Amino acid sequence: MGILEAWWPALLAVAVLLAFNLWRRLRRSSPEVVKEKLENGALVVDVRSPMEFQSGHFPGAINVPVEELMNKMDQLGAKDRSIVLYCASGARSGYAQSMLSRSGFTDVINAGGLFHIMAHARG
């Protein structure tokens, strides 16, 4: 029995876990939930780079790059404040949502990419 044959069940399990983790990060909130949060005054946070933010962003959004989020959580206000996150595709904002949730923020959603949040805001 070769090494690959001996390890394939473990490798398969790792692949499934990685795929699930990616799916979780890319999961976006429904358009209805995003629209409701926006209409009710949620803080909108763009977690893209400053250069990406400068090239165009959601009106009223603040820019807190995902790499700096852990050090700038105090800029987000109370941990029960409604927060809508977005990035370019939904991956970074999904990761940011996970970070904020683990840090005690209770009302954080991932709107996906800039295109998604713009479309959700229009309804």
PDB file of N, CA and C in Angstrom:
ATOM      1  N   MET A   1       0.848  -1.168   0.000  1.00  0.00           N
ATOM      2  CA  MET A   1       0.000   0.000   0.000  1.00  0.00           C
ATOM      3  C   MET A   1       0.898   1.236   0.000  1.00  0.00           C
ATOM      4  N   GLY A   2       0.653   2.165  -0.946  1.00  0.00           N
ATOM      5  CA  GLY A   2       1.451   3.376  -1.046  1.00  0.00           C
ATOM      6  C   GLY A   2       1.029   4.423  -0.032  1.00  0.00           C
ATOM      7  N   ILE A   3       1.855   5.421   0.084  1.00  0.00           N
ATOM      8  CA  ILE A   3       1.588   6.491   1.043  1.00  0.00           C
ATOM      9  C   ILE A   3       0.285   7.206   0.727  1.00  0.00           C
ATOM     10  N   LEU A   4       0.011   7.494  -0.543  1.00  0.00           N
ATOM     11  CA  LEU A   4      -1.215   8.186  -0.925  1.00  0.00           C
ATOM     12  C   LEU A   4      -2.441   7.368  -0.573  1.00  0.00           C
ATOM     13  N   GLU A   5      -2.358   6.056  -0.816  1.00  0.00           N
ATOM     14  CA  GLU A   5      -3.492   5.192  -0.485  1.00  0.00           C
ATOM     15  C   GLU A   5      -3.753   5.167   1.016  1.00  0.00           C
ATOM     16  N   ALA A   6      -2.700   5.241   1.805  1.00  0.00           N
ATOM     17  CA  ALA A   6      -2.842   5.200   3.255  1.00  0.00           C
ATOM     18  C   ALA A   6      -3.402   6.516   3.806  1.00  0.00           C
ATOM     19  N   TRP A   7      -3.082   7.614   3.168  1.00  0.00           N
ATOM     20  CA  TRP A   7      -3.465   8.933   3.677  1.00  0.00           C
ATOM     21  C   TRP A   7      -4.677   9.548   3.002  1.00  0.00           C
ATOM     22  N   TRP A   8      -5.211   8.939   1.954  1.00  0.00           N
ATOM     23  CA  TRP A   8      -6.294   9.585   1.212  1.00  0.00           C
ATOM     24  C   TRP A   8      -7.522   9.893   2.066  1.00  0.00           C
ATOM     25  N   PRO A   9      -7.928   9.056   3.037  1.00  0.00           N
ATOM     26  CA  PRO A   9      -9.089   9.442   3.859  1.00  0.00           C
ATOM     27  C   PRO A   9      -8.830  10.722   4.662  1.00  0.00           C
ATOM     28  N   ALA A  10      -7.644  10.856   5.199  1.00  0.00           N
ATOM     29  CA  ALA A  10      -7.309  12.068   5.963  1.00  0.00           C
ATOM     30  C   ALA A  10      -7.242  13.277   5.039  1.00  0.00           C
ATOM     31  N   LEU A  11      -6.652  13.116   3.874  1.00  0.00           N
ATOM     32  CA  LEU A  11      -6.570  14.217   2.913  1.00  0.00           C
ATOM     33  C   LEU A  11      -7.962  14.645   2.452  1.00  0.00           C
ATOM     34  N   LEU A  12      -8.832  13.685   2.236  1.00  0.00           N
ATOM     35  CA  LEU A  12     -10.207  13.988   1.850  1.00  0.00           C
ATOM     36  C   LEU A  12     -10.921  14.772   2.953  1.00  0.00           C
ATOM     37  N   ALA A  13     -10.737  14.361   4.185  1.00  0.00           N
ATOM     38  CA  ALA A  13     -11.356  15.060   5.314  1.00  0.00           C
ATOM     39  C   ALA A  13     -10.864  16.500   5.408  1.00  0.00           C
ATOM     40  N   VAL A  14      -9.573  16.700   5.225  1.00  0.00           N
ATOM     41  CA  VAL A  14      -9.009  18.056   5.254  1.00  0.00           C
ATOM     42  C   VAL A  14      -9.581  18.887   4.106  1.00  0.00           C
ATOM     43  N   ALA A  15      -9.681  18.318   2.929  1.00  0.00           N
ATOM     44  CA  ALA A  15     -10.242  19.032   1.779  1.00  0.00           C
ATOM     45  C   ALA A  15     -11.689  19.442   2.035  1.00  0.00           C
ATOM     46  N   VAL A  16     -12.471  18.554   2.621  1.00  0.00           N
ATOM     47  CA  VAL A  16     -13.869  18.867   2.926  1.00  0.00           C
ATOM     48  C   VAL A  16     -13.947  19.997   3.954  1.00  0.00           C
ATOM     49  N   LEU A  17     -13.114  19.945   4.978  1.00  0.00           N
ATOM     50  CA  LEU A  17     -13.105  21.011   5.988  1.00  0.00           C
ATOM     51  C   LEU A  17     -12.697  22.348   5.387  1.00  0.00           C
ATOM     52  N   LEU A  18     -11.701  22.350   4.524  1.00  0.00           N
ATOM     53  CA  LEU A  18     -11.281  23.589   3.868  1.00  0.00           C
ATOM     54  C   LEU A  18     -12.381  24.141   2.968  1.00  0.00           C
ATOM     55  N   ALA A  19     -13.048  23.280   2.239  1.00  0.00           N
ATOM     56  CA  ALA A  19     -14.138  23.713   1.362  1.00  0.00           C
ATOM     57  C   ALA A  19     -15.291  24.289   2.188  1.00  0.00           C
ATOM     58  N   PHE A  20     -15.617  23.652   3.298  1.00  0.00           N
ATOM     59  CA  PHE A  20     -16.680  24.164   4.163  1.00  0.00           C
ATOM     60  C   PHE A  20     -16.313  25.525   4.732  1.00  0.00           C
ATOM     61  N   ASN A  21     -15.069  25.689   5.168  1.00  0.00           N
ATOM     62  CA  ASN A  21     -14.614  26.960   5.717  1.00  0.00           C
ATOM     63  C   ASN A  21     -14.699  28.065   4.661  1.00  0.00           C
ATOM     64  N   LEU A  22     -14.299  27.770   3.434  1.00  0.00           N
ATOM     65  CA  LEU A  22     -14.395  28.745   2.349  1.00  0.00           C
ATOM     66  C   LEU A  22     -15.852  29.099   2.083  1.00  0.00           C
ATOM     67  N   TRP A  23     -16.715  28.107   2.051  1.00  0.00           N
ATOM     68  CA  TRP A  23     -18.138  28.354   1.831  1.00  0.00           C
ATOM     69  C   TRP A  23     -18.701  29.262   2.923  1.00  0.00           C
ATOM     70  N   ARG A  24     -18.327  28.994   4.171  1.00  0.00           N
ATOM     71  CA  ARG A  24     -18.795  29.809   5.293  1.00  0.00           C
ATOM     72  C   ARG A  24     -18.360  31.255   5.144  1.00  0.00           C
ATOM     73  N   ARG A  25     -17.133  31.462   4.713  1.00  0.00           N
ATOM     74  CA  ARG A  25     -16.619  32.819   4.560  1.00  0.00           C
ATOM     75  C   ARG A  25     -17.290  33.551   3.409  1.00  0.00           C
ATOM     76  N   LEU A  26     -17.653  32.827   2.367  1.00  0.00           N
ATOM     77  CA  LEU A  26     -18.264  33.465   1.209  1.00  0.00           C
ATOM     78  C   LEU A  26     -19.764  33.658   1.367  1.00  0.00           C
ATOM     79  N   ARG A  27     -20.355  33.033   2.372  1.00  0.00           N
ATOM     80  CA  ARG A  27     -21.799  33.112   2.578  1.00  0.00           C
ATOM     81  C   ARG A  27     -22.184  34.555   2.873  1.00  0.00           C
ATOM     82  N   ARG A  28     -23.169  35.033   2.137  1.00  0.00           N
ATOM     83  CA  ARG A  28     -23.645  36.398   2.298  1.00  0.00           C
ATOM     84  C   ARG A  28     -25.036  36.376   2.900  1.00  0.00           C
ATOM     85  N   SER A  29     -25.378  37.481   3.531  1.00  0.00           N
ATOM     86  CA  SER A  29     -26.737  37.638   4.039  1.00  0.00           C
ATOM     87  C   SER A  29     -27.679  37.866   2.876  1.00  0.00           C
ATOM     88  N   SER A  30     -28.945  37.598   3.094  1.00  0.00           N
ATOM     89  CA  SER A  30     -29.941  37.769   2.037  1.00  0.00           C
ATOM     90  C   SER A  30     -30.093  39.245   1.682  1.00  0.00           C
ATOM     91  N   PRO A  31     -30.482  39.539   0.450  1.00  0.00           N
ATOM     92  CA  PRO A  31     -30.684  40.935   0.037  1.00  0.00           C
ATOM     93  C   PRO A  31     -31.681  41.662   0.941  1.00  0.00           C
ATOM     94  N   GLU A  32     -32.722  40.958   1.393  1.00  0.00           N
ATOM     95  CA  GLU A  32     -33.721  41.582   2.251  1.00  0.00           C
ATOM     96  C   GLU A  32     -33.123  42.012   3.593  1.00  0.00           C
ATOM     97  N   VAL A  33     -32.285  41.169   4.165  1.00  0.00           N
ATOM     98  CA  VAL A  33     -31.658  41.488   5.449  1.00  0.00           C
ATOM     99  C   VAL A  33     -30.707  42.666   5.278  1.00  0.00           C
ATOM    100  N   VAL A  34     -29.912  42.652   4.212  1.00  0.00           N
ATOM    101  CA  VAL A  34     -28.973  43.753   3.961  1.00  0.00           C
ATOM    102  C   VAL A  34     -29.745  45.061   3.814  1.00  0.00           C
ATOM    103  N   LYS A  35     -30.782  45.038   2.996  1.00  0.00           N
ATOM    104  CA  LYS A  35     -31.576  46.254   2.775  1.00  0.00           C
ATOM    105  C   LYS A  35     -32.182  46.769   4.080  1.00  0.00           C
ATOM    106  N   GLU A  36     -32.723  45.872   4.888  1.00  0.00           N
ATOM    107  CA  GLU A  36     -33.311  46.264   6.172  1.00  0.00           C
ATOM    108  C   GLU A  36     -32.272  46.920   7.078  1.00  0.00           C
ATOM    109  N   LYS A  37     -31.098  46.306   7.181  1.00  0.00           N
ATOM    110  CA  LYS A  37     -30.038  46.853   8.037  1.00  0.00           C
ATOM    111  C   LYS A  37     -29.621  48.242   7.550  1.00  0.00           C
ATOM    112  N   LEU A  38     -29.477  48.401   6.231  1.00  0.00           N
ATOM    113  CA  LEU A  38     -29.094  49.698   5.670  1.00  0.00           C
ATOM    114  C   LEU A  38     -30.160  50.750   5.957  1.00  0.00           C
ATOM    115  N   GLU A  39     -31.416  50.383   5.769  1.00  0.00           N
ATOM    116  CA  GLU A  39     -32.521  51.326   6.007  1.00  0.00           C
ATOM    117  C   GLU A  39     -32.633  51.725   7.469  1.00  0.00           C
ATOM    118  N   ASN A  40     -32.186  50.851   8.367  1.00  0.00           N
ATOM    119  CA  ASN A  40     -32.254  51.132   9.806  1.00  0.00           C
ATOM    120  C   ASN A  40     -30.978  51.756  10.359  1.00  0.00           C
ATOM    121  N   GLY A  41     -30.100  52.210   9.474  1.00  0.00           N
ATOM    122  CA  GLY A  41     -28.930  52.980   9.906  1.00  0.00           C
ATOM    123  C   GLY A  41     -27.728  52.192  10.356  1.00  0.00           C
ATOM    124  N   ALA A  42     -27.567  50.980   9.894  1.00  0.00           N
ATOM    125  CA  ALA A  42     -26.387  50.186  10.272  1.00  0.00           C
ATOM    126  C   ALA A  42     -25.112  50.891   9.834  1.00  0.00           C
ATOM    127  N   LEU A  43     -24.054  50.661  10.586  1.00  0.00           N
ATOM    128  CA  LEU A  43     -22.731  51.137  10.195  1.00  0.00           C
ATOM    129  C   LEU A  43     -22.258  50.272   9.039  1.00  0.00           C
ATOM    130  N   VAL A  44     -21.842  50.890   7.945  1.00  0.00           N
ATOM    131  CA  VAL A  44     -21.357  50.143   6.783  1.00  0.00           C
ATOM    132  C   VAL A  44     -19.837  50.229   6.780  1.00  0.00           C
ATOM    133  N   VAL A  45     -19.198  49.064   6.768  1.00  0.00           N
ATOM    134  CA  VAL A  45     -17.736  48.997   6.837  1.00  0.00           C
ATOM    135  C   VAL A  45     -17.202  48.286   5.605  1.00  0.00           C
ATOM    136  N   ASP A  46     -16.357  48.988   4.887  1.00  0.00           N
ATOM    137  CA  ASP A  46     -15.653  48.458   3.719  1.00  0.00           C
ATOM    138  C   ASP A  46     -14.326  47.917   4.226  1.00  0.00           C
ATOM    139  N   VAL A  47     -14.105  46.623   4.096  1.00  0.00           N
ATOM    140  CA  VAL A  47     -12.880  46.020   4.628  1.00  0.00           C
ATOM    141  C   VAL A  47     -11.807  45.829   3.551  1.00  0.00           C
ATOM    142  N   ARG A  48     -11.989  46.492   2.413  1.00  0.00           N
ATOM    143  CA  ARG A  48     -10.977  46.438   1.350  1.00  0.00           C
ATOM    144  C   ARG A  48      -9.811  47.358   1.693  1.00  0.00           C
ATOM    145  N   SER A  49      -8.812  47.380   0.849  1.00  0.00           N
ATOM    146  CA  SER A  49      -7.648  48.245   1.051  1.00  0.00           C
ATOM    147  C   SER A  49      -8.036  49.703   0.840  1.00  0.00           C
ATOM    148  N   PRO A  50      -7.259  50.642   1.382  1.00  0.00           N
ATOM    149  CA  PRO A  50      -7.544  52.059   1.150  1.00  0.00           C
ATOM    150  C   PRO A  50      -7.583  52.423  -0.339  1.00  0.00           C
ATOM    151  N   MET A  51      -6.720  51.807  -1.134  1.00  0.00           N
ATOM    152  CA  MET A  51      -6.711  52.088  -2.571  1.00  0.00           C
ATOM    153  C   MET A  51      -8.019  51.628  -3.219  1.00  0.00           C
ATOM    154  N   GLU A  52      -8.487  50.456  -2.841  1.00  0.00           N
ATOM    155  CA  GLU A  52      -9.760  49.967  -3.365  1.00  0.00           C
ATOM    156  C   GLU A  52     -10.899  50.893  -2.926  1.00  0.00           C
ATOM    157  N   PHE A  53     -10.860  51.314  -1.683  1.00  0.00           N
ATOM    158  CA  PHE A  53     -11.896  52.200  -1.141  1.00  0.00           C
ATOM    159  C   PHE A  53     -11.925  53.519  -1.912  1.00  0.00           C
ATOM    160  N   GLN A  54     -10.751  54.079  -2.175  1.00  0.00           N
ATOM    161  CA  GLN A  54     -10.669  55.346  -2.896  1.00  0.00           C
ATOM    162  C   GLN A  54     -11.166  55.236  -4.325  1.00  0.00           C
ATOM    163  N   SER A  55     -11.109  54.047  -4.892  1.00  0.00           N
ATOM    164  CA  SER A  55     -11.549  53.882  -6.282  1.00  0.00           C
ATOM    165  C   SER A  55     -13.078  53.803  -6.384  1.00  0.00           C
ATOM    166  N   GLY A  56     -13.764  53.755  -5.272  1.00  0.00           N
ATOM    167  CA  GLY A  56     -15.222  53.719  -5.239  1.00  0.00           C
ATOM    168  C   GLY A  56     -15.698  52.912  -4.060  1.00  0.00           C
ATOM    169  N   HIS A  57     -16.701  53.454  -3.368  1.00  0.00           N
ATOM    170  CA  HIS A  57     -17.216  52.761  -2.186  1.00  0.00           C
ATOM    171  C   HIS A  57     -18.689  53.082  -1.986  1.00  0.00           C
ATOM    172  N   PHE A  58     -19.306  52.333  -1.094  1.00  0.00           N
ATOM    173  CA  PHE A  58     -20.706  52.541  -0.762  1.00  0.00           C
ATOM    174  C   PHE A  58     -20.839  53.874  -0.035  1.00  0.00           C
ATOM    175  N   PRO A  59     -21.851  54.678  -0.383  1.00  0.00           N
ATOM    176  CA  PRO A  59     -22.021  55.982   0.273  1.00  0.00           C
ATOM    177  C   PRO A  59     -22.147  55.850   1.790  1.00  0.00           C
ATOM    178  N   GLY A  60     -21.349  56.624   2.500  1.00  0.00           N
ATOM    179  CA  GLY A  60     -21.381  56.624   3.958  1.00  0.00           C
ATOM    180  C   GLY A  60     -20.548  55.544   4.620  1.00  0.00           C
ATOM    181  N   ALA A  61     -19.947  54.671   3.838  1.00  0.00           N
ATOM    182  CA  ALA A  61     -19.132  53.588   4.412  1.00  0.00           C
ATOM    183  C   ALA A  61     -17.844  54.144   5.002  1.00  0.00           C
ATOM    184  N   ILE A  62     -17.367  53.456   6.034  1.00  0.00           N
ATOM    185  CA  ILE A  62     -16.029  53.751   6.544  1.00  0.00           C
ATOM    186  C   ILE A  62     -15.107  52.642   6.071  1.00  0.00           C
ATOM    187  N   ASN A  63     -13.842  52.961   5.971  1.00  0.00           N
ATOM    188  CA  ASN A  63     -12.857  51.988   5.501  1.00  0.00           C
ATOM    189  C   ASN A  63     -12.007  51.504   6.663  1.00  0.00           C
ATOM    190  N   VAL A  64     -12.125  50.212   6.968  1.00  0.00           N
ATOM    191  CA  VAL A  64     -11.274  49.562   7.962  1.00  0.00           C
ATOM    192  C   VAL A  64     -10.779  48.286   7.297  1.00  0.00           C
ATOM    193  N   PRO A  65      -9.589  48.337   6.673  1.00  0.00           N
ATOM    194  CA  PRO A  65      -9.079  47.142   5.993  1.00  0.00           C
ATOM    195  C   PRO A  65      -9.056  45.929   6.924  1.00  0.00           C
ATOM    196  N   VAL A  66      -9.397  44.777   6.392  1.00  0.00           N
ATOM    197  CA  VAL A  66      -9.505  43.567   7.203  1.00  0.00           C
ATOM    198  C   VAL A  66      -8.218  43.292   7.971  1.00  0.00           C
ATOM    199  N   GLU A  67      -7.075  43.663   7.398  1.00  0.00           N
ATOM    200  CA  GLU A  67      -5.791  43.431   8.069  1.00  0.00           C
ATOM    201  C   GLU A  67      -5.647  44.286   9.321  1.00  0.00           C
ATOM    202  N   GLU A  68      -6.391  45.388   9.405  1.00  0.00           N
ATOM    203  CA  GLU A  68      -6.289  46.312  10.532  1.00  0.00           C
ATOM    204  C   GLU A  68      -7.471  46.200  11.495  1.00  0.00           C
ATOM    205  N   LEU A  69      -8.423  45.361  11.173  1.00  0.00           N
ATOM    206  CA  LEU A  69      -9.674  45.306  11.921  1.00  0.00           C
ATOM    207  C   LEU A  69      -9.482  44.995  13.397  1.00  0.00           C
ATOM    208  N   MET A  70      -8.651  44.056  13.733  1.00  0.00           N
ATOM    209  CA  MET A  70      -8.451  43.680  15.137  1.00  0.00           C
ATOM    210  C   MET A  70      -7.961  44.866  15.961  1.00  0.00           C
ATOM    211  N   ASN A  71      -7.150  45.733  15.364  1.00  0.00           N
ATOM    212  CA  ASN A  71      -6.598  46.881  16.083  1.00  0.00           C
ATOM    213  C   ASN A  71      -7.508  48.100  16.053  1.00  0.00           C
ATOM    214  N   LYS A  72      -8.563  48.072  15.247  1.00  0.00           N
ATOM    215  CA  LYS A  72      -9.419  49.245  15.093  1.00  0.00           C
ATOM    216  C   LYS A  72     -10.879  48.977  15.447  1.00  0.00           C
ATOM    217  N   MET A  73     -11.133  47.929  16.215  1.00  0.00           N
ATOM    218  CA  MET A  73     -12.511  47.598  16.578  1.00  0.00           C
ATOM    219  C   MET A  73     -13.180  48.706  17.373  1.00  0.00           C
ATOM    220  N   ASP A  74     -12.397  49.508  18.082  1.00  0.00           N
ATOM    221  CA  ASP A  74     -12.977  50.601  18.868  1.00  0.00           C
ATOM    222  C   ASP A  74     -13.654  51.643  17.977  1.00  0.00           C
ATOM    223  N   GLN A  75     -13.304  51.707  16.711  1.00  0.00           N
ATOM    224  CA  GLN A  75     -13.929  52.640  15.768  1.00  0.00           C
ATOM    225  C   GLN A  75     -15.348  52.208  15.390  1.00  0.00           C
ATOM    226  N   LEU A  76     -15.723  50.989  15.722  1.00  0.00           N
ATOM    227  CA  LEU A  76     -17.019  50.456  15.314  1.00  0.00           C
ATOM    228  C   LEU A  76     -18.133  50.745  16.312  1.00  0.00           C
ATOM    229  N   GLY A  77     -17.786  51.192  17.489  1.00  0.00           N
ATOM    230  CA  GLY A  77     -18.796  51.513  18.488  1.00  0.00           C
ATOM    231  C   GLY A  77     -19.188  50.318  19.330  1.00  0.00           C
ATOM    232  N   ALA A  78     -20.407  50.378  19.859  1.00  0.00           N
ATOM    233  CA  ALA A  78     -20.906  49.345  20.770  1.00  0.00           C
ATOM    234  C   ALA A  78     -20.965  47.981  20.084  1.00  0.00           C
ATOM    235  N   LYS A  79     -20.748  46.943  20.856  1.00  0.00           N
ATOM    236  CA  LYS A  79     -20.726  45.588  20.298  1.00  0.00           C
ATOM    237  C   LYS A  79     -22.096  45.091  19.862  1.00  0.00           C
ATOM    238  N   ASP A  80     -23.171  45.797  20.239  1.00  0.00           N
ATOM    239  CA  ASP A  80     -24.502  45.400  19.782  1.00  0.00           C
ATOM    240  C   ASP A  80     -24.994  46.279  18.621  1.00  0.00           C
ATOM    241  N   ARG A  81     -24.132  47.130  18.114  1.00  0.00           N
ATOM    242  CA  ARG A  81     -24.476  47.994  16.982  1.00  0.00           C
ATOM    243  C   ARG A  81     -24.618  47.158  15.710  1.00  0.00           C
ATOM    244  N   SER A  82     -25.581  47.522  14.867  1.00  0.00           N
ATOM    245  CA  SER A  82     -25.730  46.823  13.580  1.00  0.00           C
ATOM    246  C   SER A  82     -24.598  47.237  12.654  1.00  0.00           C
ATOM    247  N   ILE A  83     -23.914  46.239  12.106  1.00  0.00           N
ATOM    248  CA  ILE A  83     -22.782  46.480  11.206  1.00  0.00           C
ATOM    249  C   ILE A  83     -22.972  45.653   9.948  1.00  0.00           C
ATOM    250  N   VAL A  84     -22.805  46.309   8.807  1.00  0.00           N
ATOM    251  CA  VAL A  84     -22.864  45.641   7.507  1.00  0.00           C
ATOM    252  C   VAL A  84     -21.472  45.731   6.902  1.00  0.00           C
ATOM    253  N   LEU A  85     -20.887  44.582   6.605  1.00  0.00           N
ATOM    254  CA  LEU A  85     -19.541  44.514   6.037  1.00  0.00           C
ATOM    255  C   LEU A  85     -19.608  44.189   4.550  1.00  0.00           C
ATOM    256  N   TYR A  86     -18.653  44.712   3.797  1.00  0.00           N
ATOM    257  CA  TYR A  86     -18.508  44.309   2.398  1.00  0.00           C
ATOM    258  C   TYR A  86     -17.052  44.456   1.978  1.00  0.00           C
ATOM    259  N   CYS A  87     -16.713  43.814   0.882  1.00  0.00           N
ATOM    260  CA  CYS A  87     -15.371  43.916   0.301  1.00  0.00           C
ATOM    261  C   CYS A  87     -15.529  43.901  -1.214  1.00  0.00           C
ATOM    262  N   ALA A  88     -14.714  43.147  -1.914  1.00  0.00           N
ATOM    263  CA  ALA A  88     -14.840  43.048  -3.368  1.00  0.00           C
ATOM    264  C   ALA A  88     -15.700  41.849  -3.768  1.00  0.00           C
ATOM    265  N   SER A  89     -15.550  40.744  -3.044  1.00  0.00           N
ATOM    266  CA  SER A  89     -16.262  39.520  -3.430  1.00  0.00           C
ATOM    267  C   SER A  89     -17.113  38.925  -2.323  1.00  0.00           C
ATOM    268  N   GLY A  90     -16.837  39.285  -1.093  1.00  0.00           N
ATOM    269  CA  GLY A  90     -17.517  38.691   0.055  1.00  0.00           C
ATOM    270  C   GLY A  90     -16.605  37.821   0.897  1.00  0.00           C
ATOM    271  N   ALA A  91     -15.421  37.502   0.398  1.00  0.00           N
ATOM    272  CA  ALA A  91     -14.503  36.636   1.153  1.00  0.00           C
ATOM    273  C   ALA A  91     -13.890  37.370   2.344  1.00  0.00           C
ATOM    274  N   ARG A  92     -13.320  38.533   2.105  1.00  0.00           N
ATOM    275  CA  ARG A  92     -12.714  39.284   3.211  1.00  0.00           C
ATOM    276  C   ARG A  92     -13.768  39.740   4.206  1.00  0.00           C
ATOM    277  N   SER A  93     -14.930  40.154   3.710  1.00  0.00           N
ATOM    278  CA  SER A  93     -15.982  40.589   4.640  1.00  0.00           C
ATOM    279  C   SER A  93     -16.520  39.398   5.431  1.00  0.00           C
ATOM    280  N   GLY A  94     -16.518  38.216   4.848  1.00  0.00           N
ATOM    281  CA  GLY A  94     -16.897  37.012   5.584  1.00  0.00           C
ATOM    282  C   GLY A  94     -15.906  36.719   6.691  1.00  0.00           C
ATOM    283  N   TYR A  95     -14.629  36.883   6.388  1.00  0.00           N
ATOM    284  CA  TYR A  95     -13.589  36.680   7.398  1.00  0.00           C
ATOM    285  C   TYR A  95     -13.719  37.737   8.498  1.00  0.00           C
ATOM    286  N   ALA A  96     -13.980  38.993   8.097  1.00  0.00           N
ATOM    287  CA  ALA A  96     -14.149  40.077   9.063  1.00  0.00           C
ATOM    288  C   ALA A  96     -15.352  39.815   9.958  1.00  0.00           C
ATOM    289  N   GLN A  97     -16.440  39.304   9.374  1.00  0.00           N
ATOM    290  CA  GLN A  97     -17.634  38.973  10.156  1.00  0.00           C
ATOM    291  C   GLN A  97     -17.290  37.942  11.225  1.00  0.00           C
ATOM    292  N   SER A  98     -16.540  36.949  10.850  1.00  0.00           N
ATOM    293  CA  SER A  98     -16.128  35.914  11.788  1.00  0.00           C
ATOM    294  C   SER A  98     -15.268  36.504  12.905  1.00  0.00           C
ATOM    295  N   MET A  99     -14.333  37.379  12.552  1.00  0.00           N
ATOM    296  CA  MET A  99     -13.463  38.013  13.554  1.00  0.00           C
ATOM    297  C   MET A  99     -14.281  38.841  14.543  1.00  0.00           C
ATOM    298  N   LEU A 100     -15.212  39.635  14.022  1.00  0.00           N
ATOM    299  CA  LEU A 100     -16.017  40.483  14.893  1.00  0.00           C
ATOM    300  C   LEU A 100     -16.933  39.644  15.787  1.00  0.00           C
ATOM    301  N   SER A 101     -17.526  38.617  15.240  1.00  0.00           N
ATOM    302  CA  SER A 101     -18.391  37.742  16.035  1.00  0.00           C
ATOM    303  C   SER A 101     -17.617  37.085  17.170  1.00  0.00           C
ATOM    304  N   ARG A 102     -16.415  36.615  16.866  1.00  0.00           N
ATOM    305  CA  ARG A 102     -15.577  35.997  17.902  1.00  0.00           C
ATOM    306  C   ARG A 102     -15.151  37.003  18.963  1.00  0.00           C
ATOM    307  N   SER A 103     -15.161  38.300  18.604  1.00  0.00           N
ATOM    308  CA  SER A 103     -14.765  39.355  19.546  1.00  0.00           C
ATOM    309  C   SER A 103     -15.949  39.935  20.306  1.00  0.00           C
ATOM    310  N   GLY A 104     -17.146  39.344  20.129  1.00  0.00           N
ATOM    311  CA  GLY A 104     -18.291  39.752  20.915  1.00  0.00           C
ATOM    312  C   GLY A 104     -19.295  40.651  20.219  1.00  0.00           C
ATOM    313  N   PHE A 105     -19.065  41.013  18.967  1.00  0.00           N
ATOM    314  CA  PHE A 105     -20.047  41.808  18.229  1.00  0.00           C
ATOM    315  C   PHE A 105     -21.225  40.900  17.888  1.00  0.00           C
ATOM    316  N   THR A 106     -22.434  41.391  18.125  1.00  0.00           N
ATOM    317  CA  THR A 106     -23.607  40.526  18.040  1.00  0.00           C
ATOM    318  C   THR A 106     -24.505  40.748  16.838  1.00  0.00           C
ATOM    319  N   ASP A 107     -24.319  41.846  16.102  1.00  0.00           N
ATOM    320  CA  ASP A 107     -25.212  42.161  14.985  1.00  0.00           C
ATOM    321  C   ASP A 107     -24.401  42.546  13.754  1.00  0.00           C
ATOM    322  N   VAL A 108     -23.672  41.579  13.215  1.00  0.00           N
ATOM    323  CA  VAL A 108     -22.774  41.813  12.090  1.00  0.00           C
ATOM    324  C   VAL A 108     -23.188  40.914  10.936  1.00  0.00           C
ATOM    325  N   ILE A 109     -23.331  41.515   9.741  1.00  0.00           N
ATOM    326  CA  ILE A 109     -23.661  40.713   8.566  1.00  0.00           C
ATOM    327  C   ILE A 109     -22.673  40.980   7.445  1.00  0.00           C
ATOM    328  N   ASN A 110     -22.560  40.000   6.557  1.00  0.00           N
ATOM    329  CA  ASN A 110     -21.709  40.081   5.382  1.00  0.00           C
ATOM    330  C   ASN A 110     -22.600  40.363   4.175  1.00  0.00           C
ATOM    331  N   ALA A 111     -22.449  41.557   3.596  1.00  0.00           N
ATOM    332  CA  ALA A 111     -23.249  41.921   2.423  1.00  0.00           C
ATOM    333  C   ALA A 111     -22.633  41.416   1.130  1.00  0.00           C
ATOM    334  N   GLY A 112     -21.437  40.863   1.191  1.00  0.00           N
ATOM    335  CA  GLY A 112     -20.774  40.381  -0.021  1.00  0.00           C
ATOM    336  C   GLY A 112     -19.835  41.434  -0.581  1.00  0.00           C
ATOM    337  N   GLY A 113     -19.867  41.584  -1.892  1.00  0.00           N
ATOM    338  CA  GLY A 113     -19.007  42.553  -2.561  1.00  0.00           C
ATOM    339  C   GLY A 113     -19.679  43.905  -2.728  1.00  0.00           C
ATOM    340  N   LEU A 114     -18.910  44.882  -3.182  1.00  0.00           N
ATOM    341  CA  LEU A 114     -19.438  46.229  -3.409  1.00  0.00           C
ATOM    342  C   LEU A 114     -20.629  46.185  -4.360  1.00  0.00           C
ATOM    343  N   PHE A 115     -20.529  45.391  -5.407  1.00  0.00           N
ATOM    344  CA  PHE A 115     -21.628  45.256  -6.365  1.00  0.00           C
ATOM    345  C   PHE A 115     -22.889  44.753  -5.657  1.00  0.00           C
ATOM    346  N   HIS A 116     -22.728  43.784  -4.761  1.00  0.00           N
ATOM    347  CA  HIS A 116     -23.870  43.210  -4.048  1.00  0.00           C
ATOM    348  C   HIS A 116     -24.550  44.235  -3.154  1.00  0.00           C
ATOM    349  N   ILE A 117     -23.762  44.966  -2.356  1.00  0.00           N
ATOM    350  CA  ILE A 117     -24.374  45.910  -1.424  1.00  0.00           C
ATOM    351  C   ILE A 117     -25.065  47.041  -2.176  1.00  0.00           C
ATOM    352  N   MET A 118     -24.493  47.469  -3.296  1.00  0.00           N
ATOM    353  CA  MET A 118     -25.134  48.518  -4.106  1.00  0.00           C
ATOM    354  C   MET A 118     -26.476  48.008  -4.633  1.00  0.00           C
ATOM    355  N   ALA A 119     -26.508  46.779  -5.106  1.00  0.00           N
ATOM    356  CA  ALA A 119     -27.749  46.208  -5.631  1.00  0.00           C
ATOM    357  C   ALA A 119     -28.773  46.017  -4.531  1.00  0.00           C
ATOM    358  N   HIS A 120     -28.339  45.579  -3.356  1.00  0.00           N
ATOM    359  CA  HIS A 120     -29.256  45.355  -2.237  1.00  0.00           C
ATOM    360  C   HIS A 120     -29.857  46.675  -1.751  1.00  0.00           C
ATOM    361  N   ALA A 121     -29.060  47.739  -1.774  1.00  0.00           N
ATOM    362  CA  ALA A 121     -29.541  49.036  -1.324  1.00  0.00           C
ATOM    363  C   ALA A 121     -30.650  49.554  -2.246  1.00  0.00           C
ATOM    364  N   ARG A 122     -30.538  49.262  -3.534  1.00  0.00           N
ATOM    365  CA  ARG A 122     -31.564  49.682  -4.505  1.00  0.00           C
ATOM    366  C   ARG A 122     -32.818  48.837  -4.380  1.00  0.00           C
ATOM    367  N   GLY A 123     -32.629  47.616  -3.895  1.00  0.00           N
ATOM    368  CA  GLY A 123     -33.765  46.708  -3.716  1.00  0.00           C
ATOM    369  C   GLY A 123     -34.086  46.030  -4.968  1.00  0.00           C
TER     370      GLY A 123
END
